[in-house]
Amino acid sequence: MILSGLGAEERMVVRFVDPDKTVLTEFNETDYDIAAFKPGEFLDLVVAKSQYEELLSRGFQIIVTQTEDQLRQNLGDVRDLYGYRNYDELLEDLQEIELQYPDICKLYDIGNTRGKEYSMEGNPYYNDYNHEIWAMKVSDNVAEEEDEPSVFYMAEHHAREPISLEVNMYVLNHIISNYGSDPIITEEVNNKQIWFMPLVNPNGHKIVTDEVDLWWRKNIRDNNENGSINFGGGDGVDPNRNYDWNWGGEGSSGDTNSETYRGPSAFSEPEIQAMRDILESHHFVTGITYHAYSELVLFPFGYANNIQAPDHDALQELANDMAFTIPGQNGGYYDPIPSWQLYPASGTTDDYAYGEHGVFSFTIELATQFIPPASQVEGICEDNLEAALILLGRVDRKTLTGHITDAESGDPVVAEIYIDGIDNTGEFRKPYESDLFFGRYYRLLQMGSYDVTFSALGYETQTINNVSISPLQQTVLDIELEPILMVPVTGRVTELPIVSAAGTGLSLRTSRPNNSLRRHPNRSRLS
């Protein structure tokens, strides 16, 4: 049963209170539009009026929590701090920020939307959707790529979640307005590269803010190739099912009518190609992608049931630290849980950022409805600020970092950093590596001592035992890897029992003495 095909009917959100697991399984497997789920508390579905009546006839105890009229009223007519920005207002704000703070802010056009692609191909229907994807970089030497950790804040993969954009922009404005006066904020900006992508899905956002379809979730990919948007269902790709980490798995759909349609292939959508490219271009260590709703802090992995990330304990610890600063609307705080415990979803931002690049990436499910009343926006933003700053500062403590260089030339080396007891646990993710330009690496850990192995092709492997991680600052461990010498040999090799070889070009491996843990200039080995 595909509910999104019933776009002509009035829709609403209905709630199952304290549902058991069988209820969630039924509606997840039958491709209903799951609005939100909080284990042990509620399951919310977006349904058409006829489906609501059908659920009642089946004996389900459900209540209506959100209607189209309520969402329209919540969106508000006043577009200022207390309301919701549209695309043009967002771009104007970003451009003004760059002009006002040119020393620390630089705005980048990082990609096109589906609507812009269609418009550029000559289809005038999409001219109003001729949008770009924008990213704001905040750093002291903002035009340079420095030897600093990068942190990201993304928002609004899903069009009907505009509160996520507002929280993202609130965090941005707090950081830039306090630079130079707040010593902690100033230190963060001076020593990090902070990236804001407040609107991943501009085309879908326009559909919502124009109040054409307040329930629109996806982008506007023309799946039936009829040259226009089918508001009755069937067009669009779910941007948060289009990433290439277990793409095509649980919690995504191959049906174009589904709200979780994953697209024809991983990274098929230009909006998600833009996110991929920026993640590949900088050394990200942590990140938040904002969604709505459920008052949750989620962390990898989420692509299947009962899976665990190798860094699970450190991820859980940071999720706890953030969640317990965010007050819930009805008392208590946001709940921190691994993503799969919500329900499996594959092809997501967090799984890709963590699995591919080792980024401690979190989803924060904001608020208790898709579009909270405009009067509540500022309060929700304020409530989420401390968590955003906790994530920003996480790399400054309980982190192993340093440079890996060639012992002879001093050049940076791309090497793997393997930690026994972590990297040989949990589900597969790609190995952590030092970066190409600086040889810098980061490992976010918990307090304790670890055996750390550094390895790279063409170099002697080194293992440093009992590296102690400080709870208050970074532990700096610089490594110089000794190249493996390839010594040319001429003559005839007679030791081989089966074949013999003659001539030149055969090399024998020798090694240098293992004294390669040396001081990096102006740094101690461990501090």
Protein backbone atom coordinates (compact mmCIF):
# COMPACT_ATOMS: atom_id res chain seq x y z
CA MET A 1 0.00 0.00 0.00
CA ILE A 2 1.68 3.22 -1.15
CA LEU A 3 0.29 6.21 0.66
CA SER A 4 2.25 8.81 -1.27
CA GLY A 5 0.22 8.01 -4.35
CA LEU A 6 -2.80 9.50 -2.61
CA GLY A 7 -1.59 13.08 -2.86
CA ALA A 8 -5.03 14.39 -3.88
CA GLU A 9 -6.48 13.40 -0.49
CA GLU A 10 -5.99 15.44 2.63
CA ARG A 11 -3.27 13.92 4.77
CA MET A 12 -2.49 13.91 8.46
CA VAL A 13 -0.16 12.38 11.03
CA VAL A 14 -1.66 9.64 13.18
CA ARG A 15 -0.03 8.22 16.30
CA PHE A 16 0.11 4.73 17.74
CA VAL A 17 0.83 5.13 21.44
CA ASP A 18 3.27 2.62 22.99
CA PRO A 19 3.32 0.33 19.92
CA ASP A 20 4.86 -3.11 20.11
CA LYS A 21 7.55 -4.22 17.66
CA THR A 22 5.08 -6.05 15.42
CA VAL A 23 3.25 -2.79 14.69
CA LEU A 24 6.46 -1.06 13.59
CA THR A 25 7.48 -4.07 11.50
CA GLU A 26 4.12 -4.21 9.74
CA PHE A 27 4.10 -0.59 8.71
CA ASN A 28 7.78 -0.48 7.85
CA GLU A 29 7.57 -3.55 5.62
CA THR A 30 4.40 -2.40 3.85
CA ASP A 31 6.07 0.87 2.87
CA TYR A 32 3.95 3.27 4.85
CA ASP A 33 5.24 6.81 5.27
CA ILE A 34 6.74 6.67 8.77
CA ALA A 35 6.86 10.21 10.11
CA ALA A 36 8.59 9.41 13.41
CA PHE A 37 9.20 6.63 15.88
CA LYS A 38 10.36 6.69 19.48
CA PRO A 39 10.93 3.23 20.92
CA GLY A 40 8.55 2.48 23.75
CA GLU A 41 6.57 5.67 23.24
CA PHE A 42 4.97 6.19 19.83
CA LEU A 43 4.88 5.47 16.11
CA ASP A 44 3.64 8.25 13.79
CA LEU A 45 2.48 7.71 10.21
CA VAL A 46 1.56 10.18 7.49
CA VAL A 47 -1.72 8.89 6.08
CA ALA A 48 -4.46 9.98 3.75
CA LYS A 49 -7.94 10.38 5.16
CA SER A 50 -9.09 7.08 3.64
CA GLN A 51 -6.17 5.23 5.22
CA TYR A 52 -6.97 6.80 8.58
CA GLU A 53 -10.50 5.44 8.36
CA GLU A 54 -9.17 2.03 7.29
CA LEU A 55 -6.82 1.88 10.30
CA LEU A 56 -9.71 2.72 12.61
CA SER A 57 -11.84 -0.01 11.04
CA ARG A 58 -9.05 -2.51 11.71
CA GLY A 59 -9.28 -1.74 15.40
CA PHE A 60 -6.07 0.28 15.83
CA GLN A 61 -6.10 2.80 18.66
CA ILE A 62 -4.71 5.93 16.97
CA ILE A 63 -4.94 9.67 17.42
CA VAL A 64 -4.45 12.51 14.95
CA THR A 65 -1.49 14.70 15.97
CA GLN A 66 -0.85 16.91 12.92
CA THR A 67 -3.11 18.13 10.14
CA GLU A 68 -2.41 20.14 7.01
CA ASP A 69 -4.15 23.16 8.48
CA GLN A 70 -1.95 23.00 11.57
CA LEU A 71 1.26 22.76 9.54
CA ARG A 72 0.20 25.63 7.32
CA GLN A 73 -0.53 27.77 10.37
CA ASN A 74 2.76 26.76 12.01
CA LEU A 75 4.76 27.72 8.95
CA GLY A 76 3.69 31.30 9.54
CA ASP A 77 3.54 34.34 7.31
CA VAL A 78 6.33 36.28 9.05
CA ARG A 79 9.74 35.19 7.81
CA ASP A 80 12.15 36.37 10.46
CA LEU A 81 13.80 34.82 13.51
CA TYR A 82 10.43 33.49 14.58
CA GLY A 83 9.50 31.92 11.26
CA TYR A 84 10.89 29.79 8.47
CA ARG A 85 13.19 30.97 5.68
CA ASN A 86 12.54 30.19 2.05
CA TYR A 87 15.41 29.57 -0.39
CA ASP A 88 15.83 33.19 -1.48
CA GLU A 89 15.87 34.44 2.09
CA LEU A 90 18.40 31.81 3.10
CA LEU A 91 20.72 32.72 0.24
CA GLU A 92 20.38 36.42 1.03
CA ASP A 93 21.28 35.70 4.68
CA LEU A 94 24.32 33.62 3.70
CA GLN A 95 25.55 36.27 1.30
CA GLU A 96 25.12 38.95 3.95
CA ILE A 97 27.07 36.87 6.47
CA GLU A 98 29.95 36.51 4.01
CA LEU A 99 29.98 40.28 3.45
CA GLN A 100 29.80 41.08 7.15
CA TYR A 101 32.42 38.53 8.25
CA PRO A 102 34.81 38.22 5.29
CA ASP A 103 37.79 37.26 7.46
CA ILE A 104 36.15 34.10 8.79
CA CYS A 105 33.30 33.25 6.40
CA LYS A 106 33.38 32.09 2.79
CA LEU A 107 30.32 30.95 0.84
CA TYR A 108 30.65 28.18 -1.74
CA ASP A 109 28.33 26.93 -4.47
CA ILE A 110 29.01 23.20 -4.07
CA GLY A 111 26.56 21.74 -6.57
CA ASN A 112 23.30 21.89 -8.47
CA THR A 113 19.85 20.57 -7.73
CA ARG A 114 17.69 18.41 -9.96
CA GLY A 115 15.57 21.44 -10.72
CA LYS A 116 18.56 23.45 -11.90
CA GLU A 117 19.71 20.58 -14.12
CA TYR A 118 16.29 20.32 -15.75
CA SER A 119 16.07 24.10 -16.19
CA MET A 120 19.54 24.25 -17.75
CA GLU A 121 18.51 21.48 -20.14
CA GLY A 122 15.84 23.83 -21.49
CA ASN A 123 12.68 22.82 -19.63
CA PRO A 124 11.08 26.11 -18.50
CA TYR A 125 8.75 24.26 -16.12
CA TYR A 126 11.67 23.98 -13.69
CA ASN A 127 12.89 27.59 -13.91
CA ASP A 128 11.48 28.31 -10.46
CA TYR A 129 13.55 25.39 -9.11
CA ASN A 130 16.85 26.66 -10.50
CA HIS A 131 18.62 26.26 -7.15
CA GLU A 132 22.20 25.61 -6.08
CA ILE A 133 23.52 23.83 -3.00
CA TRP A 134 25.36 26.24 -0.71
CA ALA A 135 28.01 25.68 1.94
CA MET A 136 29.43 28.22 4.36
CA LYS A 137 32.96 27.68 5.64
CA VAL A 138 33.93 29.31 8.93
CA SER A 139 37.62 29.48 9.89
CA ASP A 140 40.27 32.09 10.63
CA ASN A 141 42.22 31.66 7.38
CA VAL A 142 39.02 30.89 5.58
CA ALA A 143 40.37 30.86 2.02
CA GLU A 144 43.03 28.27 2.84
CA GLU A 145 42.94 24.53 3.45
CA GLU A 146 44.83 24.26 6.71
CA ASP A 147 46.12 21.41 8.82
CA GLU A 148 42.99 21.53 10.98
CA PRO A 149 40.08 19.20 11.71
CA SER A 150 36.85 19.85 9.84
CA VAL A 151 33.37 19.66 11.37
CA PHE A 152 30.07 19.73 9.46
CA TYR A 153 26.49 20.72 10.17
CA MET A 154 23.97 19.63 7.52
CA ALA A 155 20.23 20.22 7.43
CA GLU A 156 17.06 19.54 5.50
CA HIS A 157 17.70 16.44 3.51
CA HIS A 158 13.93 16.03 3.84
CA ALA A 159 11.83 18.91 2.57
CA ARG A 160 9.10 18.76 5.20
CA GLU A 161 11.63 19.33 8.03
CA PRO A 162 12.38 23.09 7.77
CA ILE A 163 13.07 23.33 11.51
CA SER A 164 16.39 21.63 10.72
CA LEU A 165 17.48 24.56 8.53
CA GLU A 166 16.62 27.03 11.26
CA VAL A 167 18.68 25.20 13.90
CA ASN A 168 21.61 24.96 11.48
CA MET A 169 21.53 28.70 10.81
CA TYR A 170 21.18 29.48 14.51
CA VAL A 171 24.39 27.58 15.28
CA LEU A 172 26.16 29.39 12.43
CA ASN A 173 25.04 32.81 13.63
CA HIS A 174 26.00 32.06 17.22
CA ILE A 175 29.54 31.11 16.24
CA ILE A 176 30.23 34.07 13.96
CA SER A 177 28.62 36.67 16.23
CA ASN A 178 30.69 35.52 19.23
CA TYR A 179 34.00 35.28 17.40
CA GLY A 180 36.50 37.68 18.92
CA SER A 181 34.52 38.19 22.13
CA ASP A 182 34.00 34.64 23.43
CA PRO A 183 37.45 33.07 23.92
CA ILE A 184 36.16 29.51 23.49
CA ILE A 185 34.35 30.27 20.24
CA THR A 186 37.35 32.25 19.00
CA GLU A 187 39.64 29.30 19.71
CA GLU A 188 37.31 26.92 17.89
CA VAL A 189 37.19 29.07 14.76
CA ASN A 190 40.94 29.64 14.80
CA ASN A 191 41.75 25.95 15.05
CA LYS A 192 39.04 24.24 13.01
CA GLN A 193 37.31 24.41 9.65
CA ILE A 194 33.57 24.49 10.29
CA TRP A 195 31.20 23.77 7.42
CA PHE A 196 27.48 24.55 7.29
CA MET A 197 25.22 23.04 4.63
CA PRO A 198 21.85 24.36 5.84
CA LEU A 199 19.71 23.27 2.87
CA VAL A 200 20.60 20.00 1.18
CA ASN A 201 17.23 19.79 -0.62
CA PRO A 202 16.29 23.28 -1.90
CA ASN A 203 13.78 22.06 -4.51
CA GLY A 204 11.74 20.11 -2.00
CA HIS A 205 12.05 22.94 0.50
CA LYS A 206 10.42 25.30 -2.01
CA ILE A 207 7.45 22.95 -2.40
CA VAL A 208 6.93 23.07 1.37
CA THR A 209 7.55 26.78 2.00
CA ASP A 210 5.34 27.66 -0.99
CA GLU A 211 2.70 25.47 0.68
CA VAL A 212 2.19 23.46 -2.50
CA ASP A 213 2.56 20.21 -0.57
CA LEU A 214 3.39 20.45 3.12
CA TRP A 215 4.16 16.73 3.31
CA TRP A 216 6.75 16.67 0.52
CA ARG A 217 9.87 14.74 1.61
CA LYS A 218 12.05 13.95 -1.41
CA ASN A 219 13.84 15.92 -4.10
CA ILE A 220 12.14 16.44 -7.48
CA ARG A 221 13.76 13.83 -9.72
CA ASP A 222 11.41 13.30 -12.69
CA ASN A 223 11.01 9.55 -12.33
CA ASN A 224 8.33 9.17 -15.00
CA GLU A 225 10.14 11.62 -17.32
CA ASN A 226 7.02 13.62 -18.13
CA GLY A 227 8.80 16.96 -17.73
CA SER A 228 6.96 18.15 -14.63
CA ILE A 229 6.51 17.38 -10.94
CA ASN A 230 3.89 14.78 -10.15
CA PHE A 231 2.45 16.03 -6.88
CA GLY A 232 0.22 12.99 -6.67
CA GLY A 233 3.24 10.76 -6.03
CA GLY A 234 5.88 8.95 -8.02
CA ASP A 235 8.50 11.68 -8.43
CA GLY A 236 11.52 12.37 -6.27
CA VAL A 237 14.27 10.46 -4.47
CA ASP A 238 14.76 10.33 -0.73
CA PRO A 239 18.12 12.11 -0.32
CA ASN A 240 18.84 10.27 2.91
CA ARG A 241 18.63 6.88 1.21
CA ASN A 242 20.92 7.79 -1.70
CA TYR A 243 24.36 7.56 -0.07
CA ASP A 244 26.69 4.72 -1.01
CA TRP A 245 27.00 2.76 2.20
CA ASN A 246 24.91 -0.41 2.04
CA TRP A 247 22.80 1.44 -0.53
CA GLY A 248 19.73 -0.55 -1.54
CA GLY A 249 19.34 -2.33 1.78
CA GLU A 250 16.76 -2.30 4.54
CA GLY A 251 14.64 0.77 5.18
CA SER A 252 14.81 1.97 1.59
CA SER A 253 12.56 1.24 -1.37
CA GLY A 254 12.99 0.56 -5.06
CA ASP A 255 9.44 1.80 -5.72
CA THR A 256 9.33 5.35 -7.06
CA ASN A 257 6.04 5.95 -5.25
CA SER A 258 7.63 5.29 -1.88
CA GLU A 259 8.71 8.16 0.35
CA THR A 260 11.94 6.23 0.93
CA TYR A 261 12.68 5.63 -2.77
CA ARG A 262 16.47 5.32 -2.87
CA GLY A 263 17.00 6.30 -6.52
CA PRO A 264 18.26 4.16 -9.42
CA SER A 265 21.80 3.99 -8.00
CA ALA A 266 23.88 5.27 -5.12
CA PHE A 267 24.74 8.97 -5.51
CA SER A 268 22.35 9.27 -8.45
CA GLU A 269 21.15 12.65 -7.14
CA PRO A 270 23.16 15.85 -7.62
CA GLU A 271 22.31 17.07 -4.12
CA ILE A 272 23.92 13.99 -2.57
CA GLN A 273 26.82 14.09 -5.00
CA ALA A 274 27.53 17.54 -3.53
CA MET A 275 27.56 16.10 0.00
CA ARG A 276 29.83 13.27 -1.14
CA ASP A 277 32.28 15.66 -2.77
CA ILE A 278 32.59 17.93 0.23
CA LEU A 279 33.10 15.00 2.58
CA GLU A 280 35.89 13.73 0.32
CA SER A 281 37.55 17.14 0.02
CA HIS A 282 38.23 17.90 3.68
CA HIS A 283 39.40 16.08 6.79
CA PHE A 284 36.11 15.81 8.67
CA VAL A 285 36.21 14.40 12.17
CA THR A 286 32.69 15.03 13.50
CA GLY A 287 29.35 16.18 12.12
CA ILE A 288 25.64 16.58 12.73
CA THR A 289 22.85 16.23 10.20
CA TYR A 290 19.60 17.73 11.51
CA HIS A 291 16.22 16.11 10.87
CA ALA A 292 12.73 16.21 12.38
CA TYR A 293 11.22 14.81 14.44
CA SER A 294 11.32 12.56 17.59
CA GLU A 295 13.75 14.23 20.04
CA LEU A 296 16.54 11.72 19.43
CA VAL A 297 20.30 11.69 18.94
CA LEU A 298 21.20 8.84 16.57
CA PHE A 299 24.61 7.43 15.71
CA PRO A 300 25.97 4.78 13.30
CA PHE A 301 25.33 2.17 12.23
CA GLY A 302 21.71 2.03 11.08
CA TYR A 303 21.55 -0.04 7.92
CA ALA A 304 20.35 -3.30 9.55
CA ASN A 305 19.12 -4.65 12.86
CA ASN A 306 21.49 -5.57 15.69
CA ILE A 307 24.67 -4.12 14.21
CA GLN A 308 27.42 -2.29 16.03
CA ALA A 309 30.08 0.14 14.90
CA PRO A 310 33.70 -0.53 15.89
CA ASP A 311 33.73 2.86 17.67
CA HIS A 312 30.38 2.17 19.34
CA ASP A 313 31.40 3.08 22.88
CA ALA A 314 32.99 6.41 21.94
CA LEU A 315 30.04 7.22 19.65
CA GLN A 316 27.58 6.39 22.41
CA GLU A 317 29.51 8.52 24.88
CA LEU A 318 29.39 11.57 22.61
CA ALA A 319 25.71 10.95 21.80
CA ASN A 320 25.00 10.88 25.54
CA ASP A 321 26.97 14.08 26.13
CA MET A 322 24.94 15.89 23.47
CA ALA A 323 21.51 14.39 24.17
CA PHE A 324 21.51 15.14 27.87
CA THR A 325 21.86 18.86 27.17
CA ILE A 326 18.78 19.05 24.90
CA PRO A 327 15.53 19.40 26.85
CA GLY A 328 12.49 17.63 25.50
CA GLN A 329 9.22 19.42 25.05
CA ASN A 330 7.43 17.29 27.64
CA GLY A 331 10.25 17.05 30.17
CA GLY A 332 13.40 14.99 30.22
CA TYR A 333 15.98 15.10 27.45
CA TYR A 334 16.56 13.77 23.97
CA ASP A 335 17.25 10.04 23.81
CA PRO A 336 20.65 8.84 22.47
CA ILE A 337 20.44 5.52 20.59
CA PRO A 338 22.20 3.75 17.71
CA SER A 339 20.30 4.40 14.50
CA TRP A 340 19.25 0.80 13.91
CA GLN A 341 17.31 0.79 17.18
CA LEU A 342 14.96 3.35 15.68
CA TYR A 343 14.42 1.24 12.56
CA PRO A 344 16.84 0.07 9.88
CA ALA A 345 17.59 2.60 7.15
CA SER A 346 20.30 2.16 4.52
CA GLY A 347 22.03 4.68 2.31
CA THR A 348 22.10 7.38 5.00
CA THR A 349 24.42 10.29 5.70
CA ASP A 350 25.71 8.98 9.02
CA ASP A 351 26.48 5.47 7.81
CA TYR A 352 28.34 6.82 4.77
CA ALA A 353 30.28 9.52 6.62
CA TYR A 354 31.32 7.07 9.33
CA GLY A 355 31.75 3.94 7.24
CA GLU A 356 33.63 5.59 4.38
CA HIS A 357 35.55 8.33 6.19
CA GLY A 358 35.45 7.46 9.89
CA VAL A 359 33.54 10.65 10.75
CA PHE A 360 31.69 10.61 14.07
CA SER A 361 28.44 11.63 12.35
CA PHE A 362 25.15 12.03 14.22
CA THR A 363 21.52 12.60 13.29
CA ILE A 364 19.58 14.82 15.66
CA GLU A 365 15.83 14.38 15.27
CA LEU A 366 14.48 17.74 16.38
CA ALA A 367 11.23 18.62 18.08
CA THR A 368 7.89 16.79 18.17
CA GLN A 369 6.49 17.59 14.73
CA PHE A 370 7.71 18.33 11.22
CA ILE A 371 6.89 22.05 11.33
CA PRO A 372 6.64 23.31 14.92
CA PRO A 373 4.73 26.57 15.42
CA ALA A 374 6.81 29.50 14.28
CA SER A 375 6.74 30.89 17.80
CA GLN A 376 8.64 27.81 19.05
CA VAL A 377 11.47 27.98 16.51
CA GLU A 378 13.79 30.18 18.54
CA GLY A 379 13.38 28.04 21.66
CA ILE A 380 14.15 24.83 19.78
CA CYS A 381 17.25 26.47 18.29
CA GLU A 382 18.46 27.63 21.70
CA ASP A 383 17.87 24.19 23.21
CA ASN A 384 20.10 22.57 20.59
CA LEU A 385 23.01 25.01 20.71
CA GLU A 386 24.99 23.40 23.53
CA ALA A 387 24.95 20.00 21.83
CA ALA A 388 26.28 21.54 18.62
CA LEU A 389 29.14 23.16 20.54
CA ILE A 390 29.92 19.92 22.38
CA LEU A 391 30.35 18.20 19.03
CA LEU A 392 32.51 21.07 17.79
CA GLY A 393 34.89 20.71 20.71
CA ARG A 394 35.04 16.92 20.84
CA VAL A 395 38.27 16.59 18.85
CA ASP A 396 40.08 18.70 21.47
CA ARG A 397 39.98 15.95 24.10
CA LYS A 398 40.19 12.16 24.29
CA THR A 399 41.70 12.23 20.81
CA LEU A 400 44.88 10.67 19.47
CA THR A 401 46.39 12.80 16.75
CA GLY A 402 49.67 13.62 15.07
CA HIS A 403 51.54 13.56 11.79
CA ILE A 404 52.82 10.55 9.89
CA THR A 405 55.83 11.34 7.73
CA ASP A 406 58.58 9.68 5.75
CA ALA A 407 61.62 9.31 8.05
CA GLU A 408 64.02 10.29 5.25
CA SER A 409 62.25 13.02 3.32
CA GLY A 410 59.87 14.37 5.96
CA ASP A 411 57.04 14.23 3.42
CA PRO A 412 53.50 13.36 4.59
CA VAL A 413 52.56 9.68 4.34
CA VAL A 414 49.05 8.28 3.90
CA ALA A 415 49.05 5.48 6.47
CA GLU A 416 46.49 3.35 8.28
CA ILE A 417 46.03 3.83 12.00
CA TYR A 418 44.86 0.57 13.57
CA ILE A 419 43.83 0.29 17.22
CA ASP A 420 43.62 -3.15 18.74
CA GLY A 421 40.36 -3.77 20.58
CA ILE A 422 38.44 -1.27 18.44
CA ASP A 423 39.21 -1.79 14.78
CA ASN A 424 38.89 -5.57 15.09
CA THR A 425 35.38 -5.31 16.55
CA GLY A 426 31.93 -4.52 15.16
CA GLU A 427 30.81 -4.24 11.56
CA PHE A 428 33.13 -3.27 8.74
CA ARG A 429 34.10 0.33 8.17
CA LYS A 430 37.05 1.50 6.10
CA PRO A 431 40.36 1.91 7.97
CA TYR A 432 41.29 5.28 9.39
CA GLU A 433 44.03 6.96 7.37
CA SER A 434 46.21 10.03 7.69
CA ASP A 435 45.47 12.70 5.11
CA LEU A 436 47.36 13.20 1.90
CA PHE A 437 48.40 16.83 2.29
CA PHE A 438 49.61 16.95 5.89
CA GLY A 439 49.93 13.34 7.02
CA ARG A 440 47.56 14.26 9.86
CA TYR A 441 45.37 11.68 11.56
CA TYR A 442 42.68 11.80 14.26
CA ARG A 443 41.25 9.00 16.37
CA LEU A 444 38.42 9.89 18.74
CA LEU A 445 38.68 7.50 21.69
CA GLN A 446 37.72 7.03 25.31
CA MET A 447 39.98 7.32 28.32
CA GLY A 448 42.40 4.43 28.56
CA SER A 449 45.53 2.94 27.05
CA TYR A 450 45.70 1.53 23.54
CA ASP A 451 48.09 -0.36 21.30
CA VAL A 452 48.30 1.58 18.04
CA THR A 453 49.74 0.27 14.76
CA PHE A 454 50.80 2.50 11.87
CA SER A 455 51.25 0.95 8.43
CA ALA A 456 51.70 2.10 4.84
CA LEU A 457 52.73 0.43 1.61
CA GLY A 458 56.49 0.60 1.21
CA TYR A 459 57.21 1.34 4.88
CA GLU A 460 58.05 -0.63 7.97
CA THR A 461 54.99 -1.12 10.18
CA GLN A 462 55.23 0.34 13.67
CA THR A 463 53.24 -0.55 16.77
CA ILE A 464 53.30 1.75 19.80
CA ASN A 465 52.00 0.05 22.93
CA ASN A 466 50.11 1.53 25.87
CA VAL A 467 49.35 4.93 24.39
CA SER A 468 47.48 6.77 27.16
CA ILE A 469 44.55 8.97 26.15
CA SER A 470 43.98 12.15 28.14
CA PRO A 471 40.42 13.10 29.10
CA LEU A 472 41.21 16.82 28.98
CA GLN A 473 43.34 17.35 25.88
CA GLN A 474 44.66 15.74 22.74
CA THR A 475 47.33 13.07 22.93
CA VAL A 476 49.89 13.92 20.24
CA LEU A 477 51.86 11.06 18.73
CA ASP A 478 53.96 11.88 15.66
CA ILE A 479 55.33 8.95 13.67
CA GLU A 480 58.17 8.79 11.16
CA LEU A 481 57.87 5.67 9.05
CA GLU A 482 61.05 4.07 7.75
CA PRO A 483 60.99 3.25 4.05
CA ILE A 484 61.63 -0.36 3.05
CA LEU A 485 64.80 -0.41 1.00
CA MET A 486 64.71 -2.19 -2.34
CA VAL A 487 68.30 -3.32 -3.09
CA PRO A 488 68.99 -4.26 -6.74
CA VAL A 489 70.71 -7.65 -7.22
CA THR A 490 72.39 -9.00 -10.34
CA GLY A 491 73.36 -12.57 -11.16
CA ARG A 492 71.66 -15.94 -11.03
CA VAL A 493 69.33 -17.05 -8.28
CA THR A 494 69.83 -20.76 -7.58
CA GLU A 495 67.92 -21.18 -4.32
CA LEU A 496 64.48 -21.42 -5.93
CA PRO A 497 63.49 -25.10 -6.15
CA ILE A 498 61.17 -24.86 -9.16
CA VAL A 499 62.34 -22.03 -11.41
CA SER A 500 65.46 -19.95 -11.76
CA ALA A 501 65.80 -16.37 -12.80
CA ALA A 502 68.63 -14.48 -14.40
CA GLY A 503 69.26 -10.87 -15.20
CA THR A 504 68.78 -7.60 -13.42
CA GLY A 505 65.81 -5.96 -11.74
CA LEU A 506 65.28 -8.53 -8.95
CA SER A 507 65.15 -6.75 -5.61
CA LEU A 508 65.70 -8.01 -2.08
CA ARG A 509 63.95 -6.31 0.87
CA THR A 510 66.05 -5.06 3.75
CA SER A 511 64.99 -2.91 6.63
CA ARG A 512 66.47 -0.13 8.65
CA PRO A 513 66.79 -0.33 12.42
CA ASN A 514 63.41 0.27 14.05
CA ASN A 515 64.16 3.62 15.65
CA SER A 516 61.54 5.59 13.78
CA LEU A 517 59.54 7.04 16.67
CA ARG A 518 61.16 10.47 16.61
CA ARG A 519 60.23 13.95 17.60
CA HIS A 520 58.36 16.05 15.09
CA PRO A 521 59.78 19.60 14.94
CA ASN A 522 58.43 21.66 17.84
CA ARG A 523 56.36 18.75 19.17
CA SER A 524 56.82 16.12 21.82
CA ARG A 525 56.19 12.50 21.01
CA LEU A 526 53.44 12.19 23.58
CA SER A 527 51.74 15.10 25.24
